Amino acid sequence: MSEWILTLWDSVKELGVEHNVNPILFAILYVGSIPPYIGSMAWIVRNHRKQKAINVPVISTLFFFIMPALYVLIFGRNVAWWVYVIIALLIGYSSYTLYKKIREKISTAE
């Protein structure tokens, strides 16, 4: 089992070198963006309750949601075209779901 994991890890590292993406940094961005994302969602609800603008918290929430994809988009090299399509779909879908979540949280806050 451990040999299989080491082989898989070596493959991931090779892909990282080939595409100029550090898999450890990607994982840190992926996991590390969760707390600020949740905090930004709470910021949206708090601002809405206080009748303040929610533009900045929405942008912050979207940024933290797509941060790992942005890392690949900005620093990735020799990435297949379909990866860019997936990232674009991810950004579009995340914007849509974020909109729905915000509307849901705002309606429950009222």
PDB file of N, CA and C in Angstrom:
ATOM      1  N   MET A   1       0.817  -1.193   0.000  1.00  0.00           N
ATOM      2  CA  MET A   1       0.000   0.000   0.000  1.00  0.00           C
ATOM      3  C   MET A   1       0.861   1.257   0.000  1.00  0.00           C
ATOM      4  N   SER A   2       1.903   1.299   0.837  1.00  0.00           N
ATOM      5  CA  SER A   2       2.737   2.495   0.908  1.00  0.00           C
ATOM      6  C   SER A   2       3.512   2.706  -0.392  1.00  0.00           C
ATOM      7  N   GLU A   3       3.848   1.621  -1.067  1.00  0.00           N
ATOM      8  CA  GLU A   3       4.541   1.766  -2.351  1.00  0.00           C
ATOM      9  C   GLU A   3       3.616   2.409  -3.381  1.00  0.00           C
ATOM     10  N   TRP A   4       2.358   2.042  -3.345  1.00  0.00           N
ATOM     11  CA  TRP A   4       1.378   2.632  -4.254  1.00  0.00           C
ATOM     12  C   TRP A   4       1.228   4.136  -3.987  1.00  0.00           C
ATOM     13  N   ILE A   5       1.193   4.515  -2.696  1.00  0.00           N
ATOM     14  CA  ILE A   5       1.066   5.923  -2.326  1.00  0.00           C
ATOM     15  C   ILE A   5       2.297   6.704  -2.775  1.00  0.00           C
ATOM     16  N   LEU A   6       3.477   6.113  -2.595  1.00  0.00           N
ATOM     17  CA  LEU A   6       4.701   6.786  -3.039  1.00  0.00           C
ATOM     18  C   LEU A   6       4.727   6.949  -4.552  1.00  0.00           C
ATOM     19  N   THR A   7       4.272   5.944  -5.270  1.00  0.00           N
ATOM     20  CA  THR A   7       4.198   6.046  -6.726  1.00  0.00           C
ATOM     21  C   THR A   7       3.223   7.135  -7.149  1.00  0.00           C
ATOM     22  N   LEU A   8       2.080   7.195  -6.490  1.00  0.00           N
ATOM     23  CA  LEU A   8       1.095   8.234  -6.780  1.00  0.00           C
ATOM     24  C   LEU A   8       1.671   9.613  -6.476  1.00  0.00           C
ATOM     25  N   TRP A   9       2.350   9.764  -5.346  1.00  0.00           N
ATOM     26  CA  TRP A   9       2.940  11.042  -4.976  1.00  0.00           C
ATOM     27  C   TRP A   9       4.004  11.467  -5.990  1.00  0.00           C
ATOM     28  N   ASP A  10       4.814  10.521  -6.445  1.00  0.00           N
ATOM     29  CA  ASP A  10       5.819  10.839  -7.467  1.00  0.00           C
ATOM     30  C   ASP A  10       5.158  11.317  -8.755  1.00  0.00           C
ATOM     31  N   SER A  11       4.060  10.704  -9.124  1.00  0.00           N
ATOM     32  CA  SER A  11       3.323  11.130 -10.323  1.00  0.00           C
ATOM     33  C   SER A  11       2.770  12.535 -10.157  1.00  0.00           C
ATOM     34  N   VAL A  12       2.242  12.828  -8.982  1.00  0.00           N
ATOM     35  CA  VAL A  12       1.696  14.164  -8.708  1.00  0.00           C
ATOM     36  C   VAL A  12       2.813  15.203  -8.759  1.00  0.00           C
ATOM     37  N   LYS A  13       3.973  14.887  -8.186  1.00  0.00           N
ATOM     38  CA  LYS A  13       5.104  15.816  -8.219  1.00  0.00           C
ATOM     39  C   LYS A  13       5.577  16.049  -9.650  1.00  0.00           C
ATOM     40  N   GLU A  14       5.623  14.995 -10.462  1.00  0.00           N
ATOM     41  CA  GLU A  14       6.032  15.153 -11.859  1.00  0.00           C
ATOM     42  C   GLU A  14       5.057  16.043 -12.621  1.00  0.00           C
ATOM     43  N   LEU A  15       3.769  15.844 -12.392  1.00  0.00           N
ATOM     44  CA  LEU A  15       2.777  16.717 -13.030  1.00  0.00           C
ATOM     45  C   LEU A  15       2.939  18.154 -12.565  1.00  0.00           C
ATOM     46  N   GLY A  16       3.249  18.337 -11.293  1.00  0.00           N
ATOM     47  CA  GLY A  16       3.469  19.679 -10.769  1.00  0.00           C
ATOM     48  C   GLY A  16       4.633  20.367 -11.444  1.00  0.00           C
ATOM     49  N   VAL A  17       5.718  19.651 -11.637  1.00  0.00           N
ATOM     50  CA  VAL A  17       6.886  20.214 -12.320  1.00  0.00           C
ATOM     51  C   VAL A  17       6.559  20.501 -13.777  1.00  0.00           C
ATOM     52  N   GLU A  18       5.894  19.585 -14.434  1.00  0.00           N
ATOM     53  CA  GLU A  18       5.550  19.749 -15.848  1.00  0.00           C
ATOM     54  C   GLU A  18       4.644  20.961 -16.070  1.00  0.00           C
ATOM     55  N   HIS A  19       3.740  21.214 -15.133  1.00  0.00           N
ATOM     56  CA  HIS A  19       2.766  22.293 -15.304  1.00  0.00           C
ATOM     57  C   HIS A  19       3.051  23.506 -14.428  1.00  0.00           C
ATOM     58  N   ASN A  20       4.209  23.529 -13.771  1.00  0.00           N
ATOM     59  CA  ASN A  20       4.637  24.663 -12.950  1.00  0.00           C
ATOM     60  C   ASN A  20       3.651  24.950 -11.817  1.00  0.00           C
ATOM     61  N   VAL A  21       3.090  23.920 -11.239  1.00  0.00           N
ATOM     62  CA  VAL A  21       2.153  24.060 -10.124  1.00  0.00           C
ATOM     63  C   VAL A  21       2.653  23.185  -8.982  1.00  0.00           C
ATOM     64  N   ASN A  22       2.848  23.797  -7.829  1.00  0.00           N
ATOM     65  CA  ASN A  22       3.303  23.062  -6.659  1.00  0.00           C
ATOM     66  C   ASN A  22       2.091  22.384  -6.010  1.00  0.00           C
ATOM     67  N   PRO A  23       2.059  21.037  -5.981  1.00  0.00           N
ATOM     68  CA  PRO A  23       0.887  20.354  -5.430  1.00  0.00           C
ATOM     69  C   PRO A  23       0.669  20.634  -3.939  1.00  0.00           C
ATOM     70  N   ILE A  24       1.744  20.846  -3.193  1.00  0.00           N
ATOM     71  CA  ILE A  24       1.588  21.142  -1.771  1.00  0.00           C
ATOM     72  C   ILE A  24       0.979  22.533  -1.585  1.00  0.00           C
ATOM     73  N   LEU A  25       1.466  23.501  -2.349  1.00  0.00           N
ATOM     74  CA  LEU A  25       0.898  24.846  -2.280  1.00  0.00           C
ATOM     75  C   LEU A  25      -0.566  24.843  -2.717  1.00  0.00           C
ATOM     76  N   PHE A  26      -0.877  24.071  -3.747  1.00  0.00           N
ATOM     77  CA  PHE A  26      -2.266  23.961  -4.196  1.00  0.00           C
ATOM     78  C   PHE A  26      -3.143  23.407  -3.076  1.00  0.00           C
ATOM     79  N   ALA A  27      -2.678  22.364  -2.400  1.00  0.00           N
ATOM     80  CA  ALA A  27      -3.449  21.768  -1.304  1.00  0.00           C
ATOM     81  C   ALA A  27      -3.608  22.754  -0.146  1.00  0.00           C
ATOM     82  N   ILE A  28      -2.535  23.507   0.151  1.00  0.00           N
ATOM     83  CA  ILE A  28      -2.620  24.511   1.216  1.00  0.00           C
ATOM     84  C   ILE A  28      -3.634  25.585   0.850  1.00  0.00           C
ATOM     85  N   LEU A  29      -3.606  26.039  -0.397  1.00  0.00           N
ATOM     86  CA  LEU A  29      -4.580  27.040  -0.843  1.00  0.00           C
ATOM     87  C   LEU A  29      -5.998  26.479  -0.791  1.00  0.00           C
ATOM     88  N   TYR A  30      -6.139  25.232  -1.179  1.00  0.00           N
ATOM     89  CA  TYR A  30      -7.459  24.609  -1.209  1.00  0.00           C
ATOM     90  C   TYR A  30      -8.052  24.505   0.193  1.00  0.00           C
ATOM     91  N   VAL A  31      -7.275  23.989   1.120  1.00  0.00           N
ATOM     92  CA  VAL A  31      -7.767  23.803   2.486  1.00  0.00           C
ATOM     93  C   VAL A  31      -7.754  25.127   3.255  1.00  0.00           C
ATOM     94  N   GLY A  32      -6.712  25.930   3.029  1.00  0.00           N
ATOM     95  CA  GLY A  32      -6.562  27.185   3.752  1.00  0.00           C
ATOM     96  C   GLY A  32      -7.581  28.243   3.372  1.00  0.00           C
ATOM     97  N   SER A  33      -8.194  28.115   2.212  1.00  0.00           N
ATOM     98  CA  SER A  33      -9.175  29.123   1.796  1.00  0.00           C
ATOM     99  C   SER A  33     -10.561  28.870   2.404  1.00  0.00           C
ATOM    100  N   ILE A  34     -10.750  27.739   3.043  1.00  0.00           N
ATOM    101  CA  ILE A  34     -12.065  27.419   3.609  1.00  0.00           C
ATOM    102  C   ILE A  34     -12.440  28.347   4.768  1.00  0.00           C
ATOM    103  N   PRO A  35     -11.585  28.542   5.784  1.00  0.00           N
ATOM    104  CA  PRO A  35     -11.981  29.453   6.873  1.00  0.00           C
ATOM    105  C   PRO A  35     -12.270  30.892   6.417  1.00  0.00           C
ATOM    106  N   PRO A  36     -11.421  31.503   5.550  1.00  0.00           N
ATOM    107  CA  PRO A  36     -11.769  32.850   5.104  1.00  0.00           C
ATOM    108  C   PRO A  36     -13.048  32.884   4.269  1.00  0.00           C
ATOM    109  N   TYR A  37     -13.325  31.807   3.540  1.00  0.00           N
ATOM    110  CA  TYR A  37     -14.562  31.726   2.771  1.00  0.00           C
ATOM    111  C   TYR A  37     -15.766  31.747   3.714  1.00  0.00           C
ATOM    112  N   ILE A  38     -15.715  30.947   4.751  1.00  0.00           N
ATOM    113  CA  ILE A  38     -16.818  30.905   5.717  1.00  0.00           C
ATOM    114  C   ILE A  38     -16.941  32.246   6.441  1.00  0.00           C
ATOM    115  N   GLY A  39     -15.792  32.839   6.776  1.00  0.00           N
ATOM    116  CA  GLY A  39     -15.814  34.150   7.414  1.00  0.00           C
ATOM    117  C   GLY A  39     -16.410  35.224   6.518  1.00  0.00           C
ATOM    118  N   SER A  40     -16.119  35.154   5.241  1.00  0.00           N
ATOM    119  CA  SER A  40     -16.681  36.118   4.299  1.00  0.00           C
ATOM    120  C   SER A  40     -18.189  35.951   4.173  1.00  0.00           C
ATOM    121  N   MET A  41     -18.656  34.700   4.216  1.00  0.00           N
ATOM    122  CA  MET A  41     -20.102  34.467   4.186  1.00  0.00           C
ATOM    123  C   MET A  41     -20.761  35.094   5.419  1.00  0.00           C
ATOM    124  N   ALA A  42     -20.133  34.925   6.574  1.00  0.00           N
ATOM    125  CA  ALA A  42     -20.675  35.536   7.800  1.00  0.00           C
ATOM    126  C   ALA A  42     -20.637  37.057   7.696  1.00  0.00           C
ATOM    127  N   TRP A  43     -19.608  37.586   7.063  1.00  0.00           N
ATOM    128  CA  TRP A  43     -19.470  39.033   6.861  1.00  0.00           C
ATOM    129  C   TRP A  43     -20.627  39.566   6.006  1.00  0.00           C
ATOM    130  N   ILE A  44     -20.991  38.803   4.991  1.00  0.00           N
ATOM    131  CA  ILE A  44     -22.120  39.198   4.130  1.00  0.00           C
ATOM    132  C   ILE A  44     -23.393  39.299   4.957  1.00  0.00           C
ATOM    133  N   VAL A  45     -23.673  38.271   5.751  1.00  0.00           N
ATOM    134  CA  VAL A  45     -24.895  38.248   6.549  1.00  0.00           C
ATOM    135  C   VAL A  45     -24.883  39.390   7.568  1.00  0.00           C
ATOM    136  N   ARG A  46     -23.735  39.598   8.230  1.00  0.00           N
ATOM    137  CA  ARG A  46     -23.637  40.673   9.217  1.00  0.00           C
ATOM    138  C   ARG A  46     -23.871  42.042   8.573  1.00  0.00           C
ATOM    139  N   ASN A  47     -23.241  42.266   7.412  1.00  0.00           N
ATOM    140  CA  ASN A  47     -23.441  43.548   6.730  1.00  0.00           C
ATOM    141  C   ASN A  47     -24.890  43.737   6.302  1.00  0.00           C
ATOM    142  N   HIS A  48     -25.496  42.659   5.856  1.00  0.00           N
ATOM    143  CA  HIS A  48     -26.899  42.771   5.439  1.00  0.00           C
ATOM    144  C   HIS A  48     -27.798  43.114   6.631  1.00  0.00           C
ATOM    145  N   ARG A  49     -27.550  42.489   7.751  1.00  0.00           N
ATOM    146  CA  ARG A  49     -28.352  42.772   8.952  1.00  0.00           C
ATOM    147  C   ARG A  49     -28.194  44.223   9.406  1.00  0.00           C
ATOM    148  N   LYS A  50     -26.984  44.773   9.220  1.00  0.00           N
ATOM    149  CA  LYS A  50     -26.719  46.157   9.619  1.00  0.00           C
ATOM    150  C   LYS A  50     -27.057  47.148   8.508  1.00  0.00           C
ATOM    151  N   GLN A  51     -27.657  46.658   7.421  1.00  0.00           N
ATOM    152  CA  GLN A  51     -28.044  47.496   6.289  1.00  0.00           C
ATOM    153  C   GLN A  51     -26.832  48.165   5.628  1.00  0.00           C
ATOM    154  N   LYS A  52     -25.685  47.462   5.624  1.00  0.00           N
ATOM    155  CA  LYS A  52     -24.478  47.961   4.961  1.00  0.00           C
ATOM    156  C   LYS A  52     -24.341  47.274   3.607  1.00  0.00           C
ATOM    157  N   ALA A  53     -23.470  47.822   2.777  1.00  0.00           N
ATOM    158  CA  ALA A  53     -23.219  47.239   1.456  1.00  0.00           C
ATOM    159  C   ALA A  53     -22.551  45.876   1.607  1.00  0.00           C
ATOM    160  N   ILE A  54     -22.894  44.962   0.710  1.00  0.00           N
ATOM    161  CA  ILE A  54     -22.314  43.617   0.762  1.00  0.00           C
ATOM    162  C   ILE A  54     -21.384  43.354  -0.415  1.00  0.00           C
ATOM    163  N   ASN A  55     -21.026  44.372  -1.185  1.00  0.00           N
ATOM    164  CA  ASN A  55     -20.198  44.177  -2.371  1.00  0.00           C
ATOM    165  C   ASN A  55     -18.825  43.602  -2.042  1.00  0.00           C
ATOM    166  N   VAL A  56     -18.126  44.210  -1.099  1.00  0.00           N
ATOM    167  CA  VAL A  56     -16.774  43.748  -0.763  1.00  0.00           C
ATOM    168  C   VAL A  56     -16.799  42.338  -0.178  1.00  0.00           C
ATOM    169  N   PRO A  57     -17.706  42.021   0.753  1.00  0.00           N
ATOM    170  CA  PRO A  57     -17.732  40.645   1.250  1.00  0.00           C
ATOM    171  C   PRO A  57     -18.069  39.620   0.166  1.00  0.00           C
ATOM    172  N   VAL A  58     -18.896  39.998  -0.799  1.00  0.00           N
ATOM    173  CA  VAL A  58     -19.221  39.064  -1.887  1.00  0.00           C
ATOM    174  C   VAL A  58     -17.986  38.796  -2.733  1.00  0.00           C
ATOM    175  N   ILE A  59     -17.254  39.855  -3.062  1.00  0.00           N
ATOM    176  CA  ILE A  59     -16.023  39.681  -3.849  1.00  0.00           C
ATOM    177  C   ILE A  59     -15.020  38.842  -3.070  1.00  0.00           C
ATOM    178  N   SER A  60     -14.903  39.103  -1.774  1.00  0.00           N
ATOM    179  CA  SER A  60     -13.999  38.333  -0.923  1.00  0.00           C
ATOM    180  C   SER A  60     -14.395  36.856  -0.900  1.00  0.00           C
ATOM    181  N   THR A  61     -15.670  36.590  -0.754  1.00  0.00           N
ATOM    182  CA  THR A  61     -16.150  35.209  -0.721  1.00  0.00           C
ATOM    183  C   THR A  61     -15.850  34.492  -2.028  1.00  0.00           C
ATOM    184  N   LEU A  62     -16.134  35.142  -3.127  1.00  0.00           N
ATOM    185  CA  LEU A  62     -15.867  34.529  -4.434  1.00  0.00           C
ATOM    186  C   LEU A  62     -14.375  34.291  -4.628  1.00  0.00           C
ATOM    187  N   PHE A  63     -13.552  35.251  -4.209  1.00  0.00           N
ATOM    188  CA  PHE A  63     -12.106  35.094  -4.340  1.00  0.00           C
ATOM    189  C   PHE A  63     -11.609  33.869  -3.573  1.00  0.00           C
ATOM    190  N   PHE A  64     -12.043  33.738  -2.325  1.00  0.00           N
ATOM    191  CA  PHE A  64     -11.573  32.603  -1.533  1.00  0.00           C
ATOM    192  C   PHE A  64     -12.104  31.278  -2.071  1.00  0.00           C
ATOM    193  N   PHE A  65     -13.277  31.310  -2.692  1.00  0.00           N
ATOM    194  CA  PHE A  65     -13.840  30.083  -3.248  1.00  0.00           C
ATOM    195  C   PHE A  65     -13.046  29.597  -4.461  1.00  0.00           C
ATOM    196  N   ILE A  66     -12.561  30.523  -5.281  1.00  0.00           N
ATOM    197  CA  ILE A  66     -11.876  30.130  -6.512  1.00  0.00           C
ATOM    198  C   ILE A  66     -10.353  30.276  -6.431  1.00  0.00           C
ATOM    199  N   MET A  67      -9.818  30.578  -5.256  1.00  0.00           N
ATOM    200  CA  MET A  67      -8.384  30.806  -5.112  1.00  0.00           C
ATOM    201  C   MET A  67      -7.511  29.662  -5.650  1.00  0.00           C
ATOM    202  N   PRO A  68      -7.771  28.402  -5.345  1.00  0.00           N
ATOM    203  CA  PRO A  68      -6.905  27.353  -5.897  1.00  0.00           C
ATOM    204  C   PRO A  68      -6.950  27.299  -7.431  1.00  0.00           C
ATOM    205  N   ALA A  69      -8.118  27.526  -7.994  1.00  0.00           N
ATOM    206  CA  ALA A  69      -8.228  27.533  -9.461  1.00  0.00           C
ATOM    207  C   ALA A  69      -7.483  28.722 -10.052  1.00  0.00           C
ATOM    208  N   LEU A  70      -7.525  29.841  -9.371  1.00  0.00           N
ATOM    209  CA  LEU A  70      -6.780  31.008  -9.840  1.00  0.00           C
ATOM    210  C   LEU A  70      -5.282  30.755  -9.818  1.00  0.00           C
ATOM    211  N   TYR A  71      -4.823  30.034  -8.813  1.00  0.00           N
ATOM    212  CA  TYR A  71      -3.402  29.676  -8.738  1.00  0.00           C
ATOM    213  C   TYR A  71      -2.987  28.902  -9.982  1.00  0.00           C
ATOM    214  N   VAL A  72      -3.771  27.913 -10.354  1.00  0.00           N
ATOM    215  CA  VAL A  72      -3.464  27.131 -11.562  1.00  0.00           C
ATOM    216  C   VAL A  72      -3.566  28.017 -12.798  1.00  0.00           C
ATOM    217  N   LEU A  73      -4.579  28.854 -12.848  1.00  0.00           N
ATOM    218  CA  LEU A  73      -4.791  29.724 -14.001  1.00  0.00           C
ATOM    219  C   LEU A  73      -3.634  30.703 -14.192  1.00  0.00           C
ATOM    220  N   ILE A  74      -3.146  31.273 -13.108  1.00  0.00           N
ATOM    221  CA  ILE A  74      -2.097  32.288 -13.200  1.00  0.00           C
ATOM    222  C   ILE A  74      -0.711  31.671 -13.376  1.00  0.00           C
ATOM    223  N   PHE A  75      -0.380  30.653 -12.606  1.00  0.00           N
ATOM    224  CA  PHE A  75       0.975  30.127 -12.596  1.00  0.00           C
ATOM    225  C   PHE A  75       1.164  28.844 -13.393  1.00  0.00           C
ATOM    226  N   GLY A  76       0.089  28.199 -13.790  1.00  0.00           N
ATOM    227  CA  GLY A  76       0.207  26.955 -14.534  1.00  0.00           C
ATOM    228  C   GLY A  76       0.775  27.174 -15.931  1.00  0.00           C
ATOM    229  N   ARG A  77       1.580  26.253 -16.386  1.00  0.00           N
ATOM    230  CA  ARG A  77       2.156  26.286 -17.728  1.00  0.00           C
ATOM    231  C   ARG A  77       1.888  24.936 -18.396  1.00  0.00           C
ATOM    232  N   ASN A  78       1.771  24.972 -19.704  1.00  0.00           N
ATOM    233  CA  ASN A  78       1.546  23.749 -20.485  1.00  0.00           C
ATOM    234  C   ASN A  78       0.307  22.996 -20.008  1.00  0.00           C
ATOM    235  N   VAL A  79      -0.686  23.744 -19.588  1.00  0.00           N
ATOM    236  CA  VAL A  79      -1.917  23.143 -19.100  1.00  0.00           C
ATOM    237  C   VAL A  79      -2.833  22.915 -20.300  1.00  0.00           C
ATOM    238  N   ALA A  80      -3.489  21.782 -20.344  1.00  0.00           N
ATOM    239  CA  ALA A  80      -4.381  21.453 -21.455  1.00  0.00           C
ATOM    240  C   ALA A  80      -5.526  22.466 -21.535  1.00  0.00           C
ATOM    241  N   TRP A  81      -6.038  22.677 -22.723  1.00  0.00           N
ATOM    242  CA  TRP A  81      -7.102  23.672 -22.943  1.00  0.00           C
ATOM    243  C   TRP A  81      -8.344  23.349 -22.131  1.00  0.00           C
ATOM    244  N   TRP A  82      -8.618  22.053 -21.951  1.00  0.00           N
ATOM    245  CA  TRP A  82      -9.834  21.677 -21.251  1.00  0.00           C
ATOM    246  C   TRP A  82      -9.764  22.023 -19.761  1.00  0.00           C
ATOM    247  N   VAL A  83      -8.550  22.171 -19.218  1.00  0.00           N
ATOM    248  CA  VAL A  83      -8.416  22.588 -17.820  1.00  0.00           C
ATOM    249  C   VAL A  83      -8.902  24.030 -17.675  1.00  0.00           C
ATOM    250  N   TYR A  84      -8.572  24.867 -18.666  1.00  0.00           N
ATOM    251  CA  TYR A  84      -9.052  26.253 -18.639  1.00  0.00           C
ATOM    252  C   TYR A  84     -10.576  26.303 -18.759  1.00  0.00           C
ATOM    253  N   VAL A  85     -11.132  25.399 -19.536  1.00  0.00           N
ATOM    254  CA  VAL A  85     -12.600  25.330 -19.652  1.00  0.00           C
ATOM    255  C   VAL A  85     -13.206  24.934 -18.312  1.00  0.00           C
ATOM    256  N   ILE A  86     -12.603  23.959 -17.656  1.00  0.00           N
ATOM    257  CA  ILE A  86     -13.102  23.529 -16.349  1.00  0.00           C
ATOM    258  C   ILE A  86     -12.997  24.663 -15.331  1.00  0.00           C
ATOM    259  N   ILE A  87     -11.888  25.410 -15.362  1.00  0.00           N
ATOM    260  CA  ILE A  87     -11.726  26.537 -14.439  1.00  0.00           C
ATOM    261  C   ILE A  87     -12.782  27.604 -14.721  1.00  0.00           C
ATOM    262  N   ALA A  88     -13.039  27.894 -15.994  1.00  0.00           N
ATOM    263  CA  ALA A  88     -14.066  28.875 -16.341  1.00  0.00           C
ATOM    264  C   ALA A  88     -15.441  28.406 -15.867  1.00  0.00           C
ATOM    265  N   LEU A  89     -15.730  27.120 -16.059  1.00  0.00           N
ATOM    266  CA  LEU A  89     -17.001  26.580 -15.571  1.00  0.00           C
ATOM    267  C   LEU A  89     -17.071  26.637 -14.049  1.00  0.00           C
ATOM    268  N   LEU A  90     -15.960  26.354 -13.391  1.00  0.00           N
ATOM    269  CA  LEU A  90     -15.911  26.424 -11.932  1.00  0.00           C
ATOM    270  C   LEU A  90     -16.192  27.842 -11.451  1.00  0.00           C
ATOM    271  N   ILE A  91     -15.587  28.821 -12.096  1.00  0.00           N
ATOM    272  CA  ILE A  91     -15.812  30.210 -11.707  1.00  0.00           C
ATOM    273  C   ILE A  91     -17.265  30.597 -11.950  1.00  0.00           C
ATOM    274  N   GLY A  92     -17.806  30.216 -13.096  1.00  0.00           N
ATOM    275  CA  GLY A  92     -19.208  30.520 -13.383  1.00  0.00           C
ATOM    276  C   GLY A  92     -20.148  29.845 -12.416  1.00  0.00           C
ATOM    277  N   TYR A  93     -19.925  28.566 -12.168  1.00  0.00           N
ATOM    278  CA  TYR A  93     -20.788  27.825 -11.256  1.00  0.00           C
ATOM    279  C   TYR A  93     -20.663  28.344  -9.829  1.00  0.00           C
ATOM    280  N   SER A  94     -19.434  28.647  -9.404  1.00  0.00           N
ATOM    281  CA  SER A  94     -19.249  29.146  -8.046  1.00  0.00           C
ATOM    282  C   SER A  94     -19.906  30.514  -7.881  1.00  0.00           C
ATOM    283  N   SER A  95     -19.867  31.333  -8.915  1.00  0.00           N
ATOM    284  CA  SER A  95     -20.563  32.625  -8.834  1.00  0.00           C
ATOM    285  C   SER A  95     -22.062  32.412  -8.683  1.00  0.00           C
ATOM    286  N   TYR A  96     -22.594  31.486  -9.436  1.00  0.00           N
ATOM    287  CA  TYR A  96     -24.026  31.189  -9.362  1.00  0.00           C
ATOM    288  C   TYR A  96     -24.414  30.629  -7.994  1.00  0.00           C
ATOM    289  N   THR A  97     -23.664  29.657  -7.498  1.00  0.00           N
ATOM    290  CA  THR A  97     -23.992  29.067  -6.199  1.00  0.00           C
ATOM    291  C   THR A  97     -23.778  30.071  -5.078  1.00  0.00           C
ATOM    292  N   LEU A  98     -22.766  30.915  -5.208  1.00  0.00           N
ATOM    293  CA  LEU A  98     -22.555  31.948  -4.203  1.00  0.00           C
ATOM    294  C   LEU A  98     -23.749  32.891  -4.166  1.00  0.00           C
ATOM    295  N   TYR A  99     -24.246  33.263  -5.319  1.00  0.00           N
ATOM    296  CA  TYR A  99     -25.424  34.121  -5.401  1.00  0.00           C
ATOM    297  C   TYR A  99     -26.611  33.460  -4.697  1.00  0.00           C
ATOM    298  N   LYS A 100     -26.821  32.173  -4.963  1.00  0.00           N
ATOM    299  CA  LYS A 100     -27.928  31.464  -4.336  1.00  0.00           C
ATOM    300  C   LYS A 100     -27.743  31.381  -2.818  1.00  0.00           C
ATOM    301  N   LYS A 101     -26.519  31.084  -2.363  1.00  0.00           N
ATOM    302  CA  LYS A 101     -26.261  30.991  -0.919  1.00  0.00           C
ATOM    303  C   LYS A 101     -26.482  32.330  -0.238  1.00  0.00           C
ATOM    304  N   ILE A 102     -26.030  33.391  -0.881  1.00  0.00           N
ATOM    305  CA  ILE A 102     -26.195  34.716  -0.288  1.00  0.00           C
ATOM    306  C   ILE A 102     -27.675  35.040  -0.174  1.00  0.00           C
ATOM    307  N   ARG A 103     -28.433  34.779  -1.234  1.00  0.00           N
ATOM    308  CA  ARG A 103     -29.871  35.054  -1.195  1.00  0.00           C
ATOM    309  C   ARG A 103     -30.539  34.228  -0.081  1.00  0.00           C
ATOM    310  N   GLU A 104     -30.119  32.976   0.067  1.00  0.00           N
ATOM    311  CA  GLU A 104     -30.690  32.106   1.105  1.00  0.00           C
ATOM    312  C   GLU A 104     -30.343  32.624   2.505  1.00  0.00           C
ATOM    313  N   LYS A 105     -29.070  32.984   2.706  1.00  0.00           N
ATOM    314  CA  LYS A 105     -28.651  33.478   4.022  1.00  0.00           C
ATOM    315  C   LYS A 105     -29.339  34.798   4.355  1.00  0.00           C
ATOM    316  N   ILE A 106     -29.480  35.655   3.347  1.00  0.00           N
ATOM    317  CA  ILE A 106     -30.130  36.933   3.588  1.00  0.00           C
ATOM    318  C   ILE A 106     -31.604  36.731   3.921  1.00  0.00           C
ATOM    319  N   SER A 107     -32.247  35.818   3.220  1.00  0.00           N
ATOM    320  CA  SER A 107     -33.666  35.596   3.497  1.00  0.00           C
ATOM    321  C   SER A 107     -33.878  34.970   4.879  1.00  0.00           C
ATOM    322  N   THR A 108     -32.971  34.116   5.323  1.00  0.00           N
ATOM    323  CA  THR A 108     -33.107  33.527   6.657  1.00  0.00           C
ATOM    324  C   THR A 108     -32.724  34.534   7.743  1.00  0.00           C
ATOM    325  N   ALA A 109     -31.879  35.496   7.397  1.00  0.00           N
ATOM    326  CA  ALA A 109     -31.485  36.508   8.371  1.00  0.00           C
ATOM    327  C   ALA A 109     -32.597  37.504   8.625  1.00  0.00           C
ATOM    328  N   GLU A 110     -33.493  37.648   7.679  1.00  0.00           N
ATOM    329  CA  GLU A 110     -34.602  38.604   7.822  1.00  0.00           C
ATOM    330  C   GLU A 110     -35.712  37.978   8.567  1.00  0.00           C
TER     331      GLU A 110
END
